[in-house]
Amino acid sequence: MAVRRKERSTSGGNIYSPIASPNASGNEMIGVYNRRWILLIILCLLTVISNWVCFSMSAIEATASSSYPGLDFSVLVSVFNISNVVSCLFEPFFLRRIGLRRSVVIASFIMLFGNFVKMKNYENYDVTIYGMVAGFILVGLSQPIFQMGALVLAQDWFPSTERSFVTAMLVNSNQIGMVVAYVVGGIVVGEDSSKITPYLQYMTYSSLVCFVASVFLFKSLPPLPPSRSAATKRQKPAVQKSIVSYWKDSFKLMLCKNFNLAIFCYLVSSASANVVSADLSVLLEEDEASNVGTSTVASTFLGFMVIGTVLVGWYLNRTHLYKESSLVLLGLSSVTALASGLCFEYGMFSGFWFFLLFFGLVSGPGMPLNVDLAVEVAYPKEENDVIFVIVVLSNASNTGLIWVCYWLRNVTPIPYLSVLYVLSALSLLTMTSFGCFFTGEYNRIKFDTEKIVSTSLITPRTVFSS
């Protein structure tokens, strides 16, 4: 067992350095720094703000319609997602070329500028439409840096015992952003359209704070790596590729059966959460006895997703039981979706809301869990390659499933009921396929725990780069 010594780093933060191990010889060191939590907070806040912008106008749609009579707010979300997908195709290429710090700083400035454009043009309606659309495009272009940088940050700054929790927090910052949109929109704007201006200002000021924080506090790499896999990653020679070559190499991951199964589990969890979130207003229309607003229901549902994510992330940090946890979550998702559908069909709305919130609790954790599992299966492929494939496929599958479920809404006598049954069957099918055919190993964890990092893997050039 390694003996741990606490030392003060000259670059800030504490280093916890294993100095002796029966598995290796020589003076071996890894470093874990307090600064990692500051970087995590900055990246989470940037993700939250970007997703807040995405749903900012949808959350106050009834009030904002009077100020934007010629604008369909679903178009803004579509424009945001399209610019997001375009940016996804190029983000990993630039992240490799300029590093995590510069990428985050540039992306946070683009988001700040996009929010400034929206705020500046609000008073003049003739340019507001174009300014609003332009602002959404700019923020959509910036978001993939925050999303894809999540796994890079987890790998480069956090030890293996913390990576699952970190990934969970970063991935589900999207859900927190949606909660912020509904809560802040409901509190600040409500039914008063004159409050839209300060509402837009809050987004701009929040972006400004995060931009300043990223400029002065964000770093690409710690002086010492937090794990053996992180140290080995630093030693890989930089290979310059064309963007097309990078796309081809990344999508070669889909030739791996176990990788595809992990990705499919992620896509089912992600699409299920998005489909339910998109149709919460329809559910409230069916529950005539309820006087609860859409913002309250949406915030509660998404809040349950975040709670489930934190709990499962904490559990996985200690057990690394990815396959078993994924099977349990998929099974519970199938049961709760079916139960909520049955309660919905027979008018038992108390039971329906209970099971629907439970569905959010168990479907949310499936996203970060299967991101980590995909990275484990694909290792030693870089985590940036994995998240690139995930984000591209996720955007495509979410859009497709939302349209399929929209078409199925009127198949049953009660609108939306068929959607719940589809999600239940899809979760059950995925659980069965995953349980029967997944045979992958946790390659990165196995590599990290095999032996302690040797100083021969660490050179002055890479240790102190930022």
Protein backbone atom coordinates (compact mmCIF):
# COMPACT_ATOMS: atom_id res chain seq x y z
CA MET A 1 0.00 0.00 0.00
CA ALA A 2 1.36 3.43 -0.92
CA VAL A 3 2.44 5.85 1.79
CA ARG A 4 1.07 9.35 1.18
CA ARG A 5 2.89 12.58 1.97
CA LYS A 6 1.25 16.01 1.87
CA GLU A 7 3.42 18.69 0.29
CA ARG A 8 2.89 22.31 -0.66
CA SER A 9 3.17 22.93 -4.38
CA THR A 10 4.98 26.01 -5.64
CA SER A 11 2.26 26.46 -8.25
CA GLY A 12 -0.59 26.47 -5.73
CA GLY A 13 -2.69 23.68 -4.24
CA ASN A 14 -1.69 20.56 -2.38
CA ILE A 15 0.15 17.59 -3.85
CA TYR A 16 -0.61 14.17 -2.44
CA SER A 17 2.35 12.12 -3.57
CA PRO A 18 2.71 8.34 -3.19
CA ILE A 19 6.38 7.92 -2.28
CA ALA A 20 6.61 4.15 -1.82
CA SER A 21 4.88 1.18 -3.39
CA PRO A 22 5.58 -2.56 -3.50
CA ASN A 23 4.46 -2.53 -7.16
CA ALA A 24 7.17 -0.27 -8.46
CA SER A 25 10.69 0.87 -7.79
CA GLY A 26 12.19 4.33 -7.67
CA ASN A 27 10.71 7.67 -6.63
CA GLU A 28 7.21 7.77 -8.06
CA MET A 29 4.85 10.72 -7.75
CA ILE A 30 1.37 11.75 -8.80
CA GLY A 31 -0.24 15.07 -7.91
CA VAL A 32 -3.78 16.04 -6.92
CA TYR A 33 -4.42 19.78 -6.62
CA ASN A 34 -7.09 21.83 -4.87
CA ARG A 35 -7.31 24.02 -7.98
CA ARG A 36 -9.20 21.19 -9.72
CA TRP A 37 -12.39 22.15 -7.87
CA ILE A 38 -12.16 25.76 -9.07
CA LEU A 39 -11.82 24.54 -12.67
CA LEU A 40 -14.77 22.20 -12.19
CA ILE A 41 -16.95 25.04 -10.89
CA ILE A 42 -16.00 27.32 -13.79
CA LEU A 43 -16.75 24.67 -16.42
CA CYS A 44 -20.03 23.72 -14.73
CA LEU A 45 -21.15 27.36 -14.57
CA LEU A 46 -20.29 27.93 -18.23
CA THR A 47 -22.35 24.88 -19.20
CA VAL A 48 -25.24 25.99 -16.99
CA ILE A 49 -25.31 29.48 -18.51
CA SER A 50 -25.12 28.19 -22.09
CA ASN A 51 -28.08 25.86 -21.55
CA TRP A 52 -29.93 28.59 -19.67
CA VAL A 53 -29.62 30.68 -22.83
CA CYS A 54 -30.89 27.79 -24.97
CA PHE A 55 -34.15 27.52 -23.00
CA SER A 56 -34.31 31.12 -21.77
CA MET A 57 -37.13 32.25 -24.05
CA SER A 58 -39.01 28.93 -24.08
CA ALA A 59 -39.30 29.20 -20.28
CA ILE A 60 -41.14 32.55 -20.61
CA GLU A 61 -42.79 31.85 -23.95
CA ALA A 62 -46.27 33.11 -23.01
CA THR A 63 -44.92 36.47 -21.78
CA ALA A 64 -42.25 36.93 -24.43
CA SER A 65 -44.69 36.34 -27.29
CA SER A 66 -46.04 39.88 -26.87
CA SER A 67 -42.55 41.33 -27.34
CA TYR A 68 -41.64 39.02 -30.24
CA PRO A 69 -44.90 38.52 -32.19
CA GLY A 70 -43.09 37.36 -35.32
CA LEU A 71 -40.72 34.89 -33.69
CA ASP A 72 -41.34 31.19 -33.04
CA PHE A 73 -39.31 30.34 -29.95
CA SER A 74 -38.85 26.74 -31.01
CA VAL A 75 -36.85 28.17 -33.91
CA LEU A 76 -34.38 29.66 -31.42
CA VAL A 77 -33.83 26.26 -29.80
CA SER A 78 -33.44 24.66 -33.23
CA VAL A 79 -30.95 27.34 -34.32
CA PHE A 80 -29.03 26.82 -31.09
CA ASN A 81 -28.87 23.04 -31.62
CA ILE A 82 -27.84 23.34 -35.26
CA SER A 83 -24.98 25.71 -34.42
CA ASN A 84 -24.07 23.34 -31.58
CA VAL A 85 -23.77 20.40 -33.98
CA VAL A 86 -21.67 22.42 -36.44
CA SER A 87 -19.34 23.46 -33.64
CA CYS A 88 -19.12 19.85 -32.42
CA LEU A 89 -17.57 18.81 -35.72
CA PHE A 90 -14.64 21.20 -35.30
CA GLU A 91 -14.26 21.50 -31.53
CA PRO A 92 -12.03 18.44 -30.89
CA PHE A 93 -9.72 19.50 -33.71
CA PHE A 94 -9.13 22.94 -32.14
CA LEU A 95 -9.01 21.55 -28.61
CA ARG A 96 -6.05 19.41 -29.62
CA ARG A 97 -4.35 22.30 -31.39
CA ILE A 98 -4.69 25.07 -28.77
CA GLY A 99 -5.34 23.20 -25.52
CA LEU A 100 -8.13 23.23 -22.95
CA ARG A 101 -7.38 26.63 -21.35
CA ARG A 102 -7.34 28.63 -24.58
CA SER A 103 -10.39 26.79 -25.88
CA VAL A 104 -12.40 27.56 -22.73
CA VAL A 105 -11.34 31.22 -22.68
CA ILE A 106 -12.24 31.74 -26.37
CA ALA A 107 -15.56 29.89 -26.01
CA SER A 108 -16.51 31.86 -22.88
CA PHE A 109 -15.81 35.11 -24.75
CA ILE A 110 -17.98 33.98 -27.68
CA MET A 111 -20.81 33.20 -25.24
CA LEU A 112 -20.37 36.59 -23.54
CA PHE A 113 -20.50 38.36 -26.91
CA GLY A 114 -23.61 36.40 -27.93
CA ASN A 115 -25.42 37.39 -24.72
CA PHE A 116 -24.32 41.01 -25.19
CA VAL A 117 -25.77 41.03 -28.73
CA LYS A 118 -29.14 39.81 -27.42
CA MET A 119 -29.21 42.35 -24.61
CA LYS A 120 -28.03 45.29 -26.74
CA ASN A 121 -30.60 44.80 -29.48
CA TYR A 122 -33.64 44.13 -27.31
CA GLU A 123 -35.03 47.68 -27.20
CA ASN A 124 -35.17 48.05 -31.00
CA TYR A 125 -37.59 45.45 -32.34
CA ASP A 126 -36.44 45.82 -35.96
CA VAL A 127 -33.02 44.44 -35.05
CA THR A 128 -34.08 42.39 -32.05
CA ILE A 129 -35.17 39.40 -34.13
CA TYR A 130 -31.84 39.23 -35.89
CA GLY A 131 -29.90 40.07 -32.75
CA MET A 132 -31.71 37.38 -30.78
CA VAL A 133 -31.07 34.75 -33.45
CA ALA A 134 -27.43 35.83 -33.81
CA GLY A 135 -26.99 35.66 -30.04
CA PHE A 136 -28.38 32.12 -29.90
CA ILE A 137 -26.10 31.05 -32.76
CA LEU A 138 -23.01 32.41 -30.98
CA VAL A 139 -23.86 30.77 -27.66
CA GLY A 140 -24.67 27.51 -29.47
CA LEU A 141 -21.25 27.61 -31.12
CA SER A 142 -19.54 28.02 -27.75
CA GLN A 143 -21.32 25.27 -25.81
CA PRO A 144 -19.51 22.16 -27.20
CA ILE A 145 -16.21 23.39 -25.72
CA PHE A 146 -17.76 23.26 -22.25
CA GLN A 147 -19.43 19.89 -22.86
CA MET A 148 -16.50 18.14 -24.51
CA GLY A 149 -13.99 19.72 -22.17
CA ALA A 150 -15.70 17.89 -19.31
CA LEU A 151 -13.97 14.55 -19.86
CA VAL A 152 -10.67 16.24 -20.64
CA LEU A 153 -10.81 18.07 -17.30
CA ALA A 154 -11.80 14.89 -15.44
CA GLN A 155 -8.91 12.95 -17.00
CA ASP A 156 -6.21 15.62 -16.65
CA TRP A 157 -6.98 16.94 -13.16
CA PHE A 158 -8.89 14.31 -11.15
CA PRO A 159 -7.83 10.90 -9.79
CA SER A 160 -9.73 7.78 -10.78
CA THR A 161 -11.66 7.81 -7.48
CA GLU A 162 -13.30 11.13 -8.41
CA ARG A 163 -13.78 10.93 -12.16
CA SER A 164 -17.31 9.47 -12.13
CA PHE A 165 -18.60 12.21 -9.84
CA VAL A 166 -16.91 14.92 -11.92
CA THR A 167 -18.31 13.59 -15.18
CA ALA A 168 -21.76 13.36 -13.59
CA MET A 169 -21.66 16.99 -12.47
CA LEU A 170 -20.38 18.29 -15.81
CA VAL A 171 -22.76 16.26 -18.00
CA ASN A 172 -25.80 17.15 -15.91
CA SER A 173 -24.95 20.83 -15.79
CA ASN A 174 -27.14 20.91 -18.91
CA GLN A 175 -30.14 19.90 -16.80
CA ILE A 176 -29.24 22.48 -14.17
CA GLY A 177 -29.19 25.10 -16.92
CA MET A 178 -32.73 24.14 -17.91
CA VAL A 179 -33.82 24.41 -14.27
CA VAL A 180 -32.24 27.88 -14.04
CA ALA A 181 -34.09 28.96 -17.19
CA TYR A 182 -37.49 27.96 -15.80
CA VAL A 183 -36.88 29.16 -12.22
CA VAL A 184 -35.18 32.48 -12.99
CA GLY A 185 -37.53 33.14 -15.91
CA GLY A 186 -40.56 32.54 -13.71
CA ILE A 187 -39.24 34.67 -10.84
CA VAL A 188 -37.74 37.58 -12.78
CA VAL A 189 -40.16 37.86 -15.72
CA GLY A 190 -43.35 36.07 -14.74
CA GLU A 191 -46.13 37.76 -16.73
CA ASP A 192 -44.45 41.16 -16.98
CA SER A 193 -42.80 41.63 -20.38
CA SER A 194 -40.96 44.74 -19.15
CA LYS A 195 -38.80 42.44 -17.02
CA ILE A 196 -37.30 40.73 -20.06
CA THR A 197 -34.55 43.35 -20.29
CA PRO A 198 -33.11 42.68 -16.80
CA TYR A 199 -33.58 38.96 -17.46
CA LEU A 200 -31.29 39.21 -20.49
CA GLN A 201 -28.88 41.37 -18.50
CA TYR A 202 -28.52 38.68 -15.84
CA MET A 203 -27.36 36.22 -18.50
CA THR A 204 -24.82 38.72 -19.82
CA TYR A 205 -23.46 39.61 -16.39
CA SER A 206 -23.19 35.91 -15.47
CA SER A 207 -21.27 35.28 -18.69
CA LEU A 208 -18.95 38.18 -17.91
CA VAL A 209 -18.10 36.80 -14.46
CA CYS A 210 -17.34 33.36 -15.90
CA PHE A 211 -15.23 34.83 -18.70
CA VAL A 212 -13.09 36.79 -16.22
CA ALA A 213 -12.76 33.68 -14.02
CA SER A 214 -11.66 31.56 -16.99
CA VAL A 215 -9.05 34.14 -18.03
CA PHE A 216 -7.40 34.40 -14.62
CA LEU A 217 -8.03 30.99 -13.03
CA PHE A 218 -8.32 28.32 -15.72
CA LYS A 219 -5.34 26.07 -16.47
CA SER A 220 -4.91 23.23 -18.95
CA LEU A 221 -2.69 20.87 -16.94
CA PRO A 222 -1.50 20.51 -13.34
CA PRO A 223 2.27 20.28 -12.68
CA LEU A 224 1.92 16.56 -11.88
CA PRO A 225 -0.66 14.16 -13.37
CA PRO A 226 -3.39 12.78 -11.07
CA SER A 227 -3.21 9.21 -12.38
CA ARG A 228 -1.12 6.82 -14.40
CA SER A 229 -3.35 7.13 -17.46
CA ALA A 230 -3.04 10.93 -17.31
CA ALA A 231 0.75 10.67 -17.16
CA THR A 232 0.83 8.30 -20.12
CA LYS A 233 -1.44 10.64 -22.10
CA ARG A 234 1.12 13.44 -21.71
CA GLN A 235 3.83 11.29 -23.24
CA LYS A 236 1.92 10.57 -26.43
CA PRO A 237 3.50 12.44 -29.35
CA ALA A 238 1.33 15.16 -30.86
CA VAL A 239 0.13 13.99 -34.27
CA GLN A 240 -1.24 16.68 -36.55
CA LYS A 241 -4.19 15.46 -38.64
CA SER A 242 -6.63 17.05 -41.01
CA ILE A 243 -10.15 17.55 -39.69
CA VAL A 244 -11.51 14.86 -42.05
CA SER A 245 -8.91 12.36 -40.84
CA TYR A 246 -9.89 13.16 -37.27
CA TRP A 247 -13.56 12.49 -38.01
CA LYS A 248 -12.72 9.14 -39.61
CA ASP A 249 -10.50 8.06 -36.71
CA SER A 250 -13.10 9.06 -34.12
CA PHE A 251 -15.95 7.21 -35.75
CA LYS A 252 -13.80 4.07 -36.03
CA LEU A 253 -14.71 3.63 -32.37
CA MET A 254 -18.11 2.47 -33.56
CA LEU A 255 -16.52 -0.70 -34.91
CA CYS A 256 -16.29 -1.86 -31.29
CA LYS A 257 -19.39 -3.75 -30.08
CA ASN A 258 -18.96 -2.88 -26.41
CA PHE A 259 -18.46 0.80 -27.21
CA ASN A 260 -21.66 0.83 -29.27
CA LEU A 261 -23.64 -0.78 -26.44
CA ALA A 262 -22.41 1.82 -23.95
CA ILE A 263 -23.24 4.64 -26.38
CA PHE A 264 -26.70 3.20 -27.05
CA CYS A 265 -27.42 3.15 -23.30
CA TYR A 266 -26.38 6.80 -23.12
CA LEU A 267 -28.56 7.76 -26.08
CA VAL A 268 -31.62 6.06 -24.56
CA SER A 269 -31.14 7.84 -21.22
CA SER A 270 -30.53 11.20 -22.89
CA ALA A 271 -33.43 10.93 -25.33
CA SER A 272 -35.84 9.74 -22.61
CA ALA A 273 -35.07 12.74 -20.43
CA ASN A 274 -35.37 15.18 -23.34
CA VAL A 275 -38.66 13.73 -24.63
CA VAL A 276 -40.30 13.99 -21.21
CA SER A 277 -38.95 17.50 -20.64
CA ALA A 278 -40.23 18.65 -24.03
CA ASP A 279 -43.81 17.53 -23.34
CA LEU A 280 -44.37 18.54 -19.71
CA SER A 281 -46.85 21.23 -20.78
CA VAL A 282 -49.00 18.54 -22.44
CA LEU A 283 -49.06 16.56 -19.21
CA LEU A 284 -50.30 19.56 -17.25
CA GLU A 285 -53.10 20.09 -19.76
CA GLU A 286 -54.33 16.54 -19.14
CA ASP A 287 -54.18 16.97 -15.35
CA GLU A 288 -57.04 19.48 -15.12
CA ALA A 289 -57.08 19.44 -11.32
CA SER A 290 -53.49 20.67 -11.12
CA ASN A 291 -52.76 24.38 -10.74
CA VAL A 292 -48.99 23.95 -10.76
CA GLY A 293 -47.07 25.89 -13.41
CA THR A 294 -44.94 24.32 -16.10
CA SER A 295 -41.81 25.94 -14.66
CA THR A 296 -42.39 24.28 -11.29
CA VAL A 297 -42.93 20.85 -12.81
CA ALA A 298 -39.95 21.16 -15.14
CA SER A 299 -37.67 22.34 -12.33
CA THR A 300 -38.75 19.48 -10.08
CA PHE A 301 -38.31 16.84 -12.77
CA LEU A 302 -34.87 18.11 -13.78
CA GLY A 303 -33.92 18.53 -10.13
CA PHE A 304 -34.64 14.84 -9.53
CA MET A 305 -32.39 14.01 -12.48
CA VAL A 306 -29.54 16.00 -10.93
CA ILE A 307 -30.05 14.37 -7.49
CA GLY A 308 -29.97 10.90 -9.03
CA THR A 309 -26.83 11.79 -10.94
CA VAL A 310 -24.97 12.97 -7.84
CA LEU A 311 -25.96 9.88 -5.83
CA VAL A 312 -25.01 7.41 -8.56
CA GLY A 313 -21.77 9.29 -9.30
CA TRP A 314 -20.82 9.11 -5.62
CA TYR A 315 -21.57 5.37 -5.61
CA LEU A 316 -19.57 4.66 -8.78
CA ASN A 317 -16.51 6.48 -7.43
CA ARG A 318 -16.32 3.84 -4.73
CA THR A 319 -17.39 0.70 -6.59
CA HIS A 320 -16.79 1.22 -10.36
CA LEU A 321 -19.73 -1.13 -11.01
CA TYR A 322 -20.67 0.48 -14.31
CA LYS A 323 -22.36 -2.46 -16.02
CA GLU A 324 -24.40 -3.51 -13.00
CA SER A 325 -25.50 0.06 -12.26
CA SER A 326 -26.48 0.67 -15.88
CA LEU A 327 -28.62 -2.47 -15.93
CA VAL A 328 -30.41 -1.48 -12.71
CA LEU A 329 -31.07 2.06 -13.95
CA LEU A 330 -32.40 0.86 -17.31
CA GLY A 331 -34.68 -1.65 -15.58
CA LEU A 332 -36.05 0.98 -13.20
CA SER A 333 -36.52 3.41 -16.11
CA SER A 334 -38.60 0.82 -17.96
CA VAL A 335 -40.74 0.04 -14.89
CA THR A 336 -41.33 3.67 -13.90
CA ALA A 337 -42.18 4.75 -17.46
CA LEU A 338 -44.69 1.89 -17.73
CA ALA A 339 -46.17 2.62 -14.29
CA SER A 340 -46.51 6.34 -15.01
CA GLY A 341 -48.21 5.51 -18.33
CA LEU A 342 -50.73 3.21 -16.65
CA CYS A 343 -51.49 5.79 -13.96
CA PHE A 344 -51.86 8.42 -16.67
CA GLU A 345 -54.26 6.23 -18.65
CA TYR A 346 -56.54 5.59 -15.68
CA GLY A 347 -56.50 9.17 -14.38
CA MET A 348 -54.41 8.46 -11.26
CA PHE A 349 -52.40 11.66 -11.53
CA SER A 350 -50.86 11.51 -8.06
CA GLY A 351 -49.33 8.14 -8.91
CA PHE A 352 -48.41 9.42 -12.37
CA TRP A 353 -46.40 12.38 -11.05
CA PHE A 354 -44.71 10.16 -8.44
CA PHE A 355 -43.53 7.64 -11.03
CA LEU A 356 -42.58 10.36 -13.51
CA LEU A 357 -40.31 12.04 -10.96
CA PHE A 358 -38.86 8.64 -10.10
CA PHE A 359 -38.26 8.16 -13.83
CA GLY A 360 -36.21 11.37 -13.83
CA LEU A 361 -34.28 10.15 -10.79
CA VAL A 362 -33.17 6.93 -12.56
CA SER A 363 -32.86 8.13 -16.17
CA GLY A 364 -30.61 11.13 -15.45
CA PRO A 365 -27.65 9.14 -14.02
CA GLY A 366 -27.53 6.93 -17.13
CA MET A 367 -25.94 9.72 -19.16
CA PRO A 368 -22.70 10.37 -17.21
CA LEU A 369 -22.46 6.70 -16.22
CA ASN A 370 -22.37 5.50 -19.80
CA VAL A 371 -20.04 8.33 -20.86
CA ASP A 372 -17.54 7.01 -18.32
CA LEU A 373 -18.19 3.43 -19.42
CA ALA A 374 -17.57 4.33 -23.07
CA VAL A 375 -14.26 5.96 -22.11
CA GLU A 376 -13.26 2.86 -20.14
CA VAL A 377 -14.06 0.53 -23.03
CA ALA A 378 -12.35 2.73 -25.63
CA TYR A 379 -9.17 3.40 -23.62
CA PRO A 380 -6.40 4.14 -24.64
CA LYS A 381 -8.38 6.24 -27.14
CA GLU A 382 -8.54 9.81 -25.85
CA GLU A 383 -11.66 10.89 -23.98
CA ASN A 384 -12.12 13.81 -26.38
CA ASP A 385 -12.65 11.35 -29.25
CA VAL A 386 -15.30 9.54 -27.21
CA ILE A 387 -17.27 12.64 -26.23
CA PHE A 388 -17.12 13.89 -29.83
CA VAL A 389 -18.90 10.74 -31.06
CA ILE A 390 -21.36 10.88 -28.16
CA VAL A 391 -22.37 14.52 -28.68
CA VAL A 392 -22.85 14.16 -32.45
CA LEU A 393 -24.93 10.97 -32.11
CA SER A 394 -26.85 12.36 -29.14
CA ASN A 395 -27.99 15.48 -30.98
CA ALA A 396 -29.10 13.40 -33.96
CA SER A 397 -30.89 10.70 -31.92
CA ASN A 398 -32.61 13.19 -29.59
CA THR A 399 -34.01 15.12 -32.53
CA GLY A 400 -35.14 11.91 -34.24
CA LEU A 401 -36.80 10.40 -31.16
CA ILE A 402 -38.59 13.65 -30.30
CA TRP A 403 -40.12 13.69 -33.79
CA VAL A 404 -41.07 10.00 -33.60
CA CYS A 405 -42.73 10.50 -30.22
CA TYR A 406 -44.48 13.62 -31.51
CA TRP A 407 -45.91 11.54 -34.37
CA LEU A 408 -47.01 8.81 -31.92
CA ARG A 409 -48.78 11.19 -29.57
CA ASN A 410 -52.11 10.73 -31.30
CA VAL A 411 -51.85 6.95 -31.77
CA THR A 412 -53.51 6.37 -28.39
CA PRO A 413 -56.78 8.05 -27.31
CA ILE A 414 -54.90 10.11 -24.71
CA PRO A 415 -52.10 12.25 -26.20
CA TYR A 416 -48.62 11.51 -24.91
CA LEU A 417 -49.59 8.11 -23.45
CA SER A 418 -47.95 6.18 -26.29
CA VAL A 419 -44.70 8.09 -25.68
CA LEU A 420 -44.38 6.69 -22.15
CA TYR A 421 -44.95 3.15 -23.41
CA VAL A 422 -42.34 3.67 -26.16
CA LEU A 423 -39.79 4.85 -23.59
CA SER A 424 -40.58 1.87 -21.35
CA ALA A 425 -40.14 -0.62 -24.19
CA LEU A 426 -36.98 1.11 -25.43
CA SER A 427 -35.40 0.98 -21.95
CA LEU A 428 -36.32 -2.69 -21.58
CA LEU A 429 -34.88 -3.57 -25.00
CA THR A 430 -31.67 -1.67 -24.26
CA MET A 431 -31.29 -3.35 -20.85
CA THR A 432 -31.74 -6.80 -22.40
CA SER A 433 -29.27 -6.16 -25.23
CA PHE A 434 -26.71 -4.58 -22.91
CA GLY A 435 -26.95 -7.37 -20.33
CA CYS A 436 -26.65 -10.14 -22.93
CA PHE A 437 -23.91 -8.79 -25.19
CA PHE A 438 -21.71 -6.38 -23.21
CA THR A 439 -18.36 -8.01 -22.43
CA GLY A 440 -16.12 -4.94 -22.18
CA GLU A 441 -13.48 -4.30 -19.54
CA TYR A 442 -12.72 -1.17 -17.57
CA ASN A 443 -9.41 -0.57 -19.31
CA ARG A 444 -8.57 2.86 -17.90
CA ILE A 445 -9.26 1.88 -14.27
CA LYS A 446 -7.29 -1.31 -14.77
CA PHE A 447 -4.37 0.69 -16.16
CA ASP A 448 -4.50 3.25 -13.32
CA THR A 449 -4.51 0.62 -10.56
CA GLU A 450 -1.95 -1.71 -12.13
CA LYS A 451 0.99 0.21 -10.72
CA ILE A 452 2.00 3.68 -9.58
CA VAL A 453 3.19 6.28 -12.08
CA SER A 454 6.90 6.24 -12.76
CA THR A 455 8.77 9.53 -12.94
CA SER A 456 10.21 8.31 -16.22
CA LEU A 457 6.77 9.07 -17.69
CA ILE A 458 6.95 12.71 -16.60
CA THR A 459 9.23 15.26 -18.24
CA PRO A 460 9.74 18.95 -17.31
CA ARG A 461 8.33 19.99 -20.69
CA THR A 462 4.97 18.35 -20.09
CA VAL A 463 4.72 18.70 -16.32
CA PHE A 464 4.64 22.49 -16.25
CA SER A 465 2.74 23.16 -19.48
CA SER A 466 -0.50 25.08 -19.22
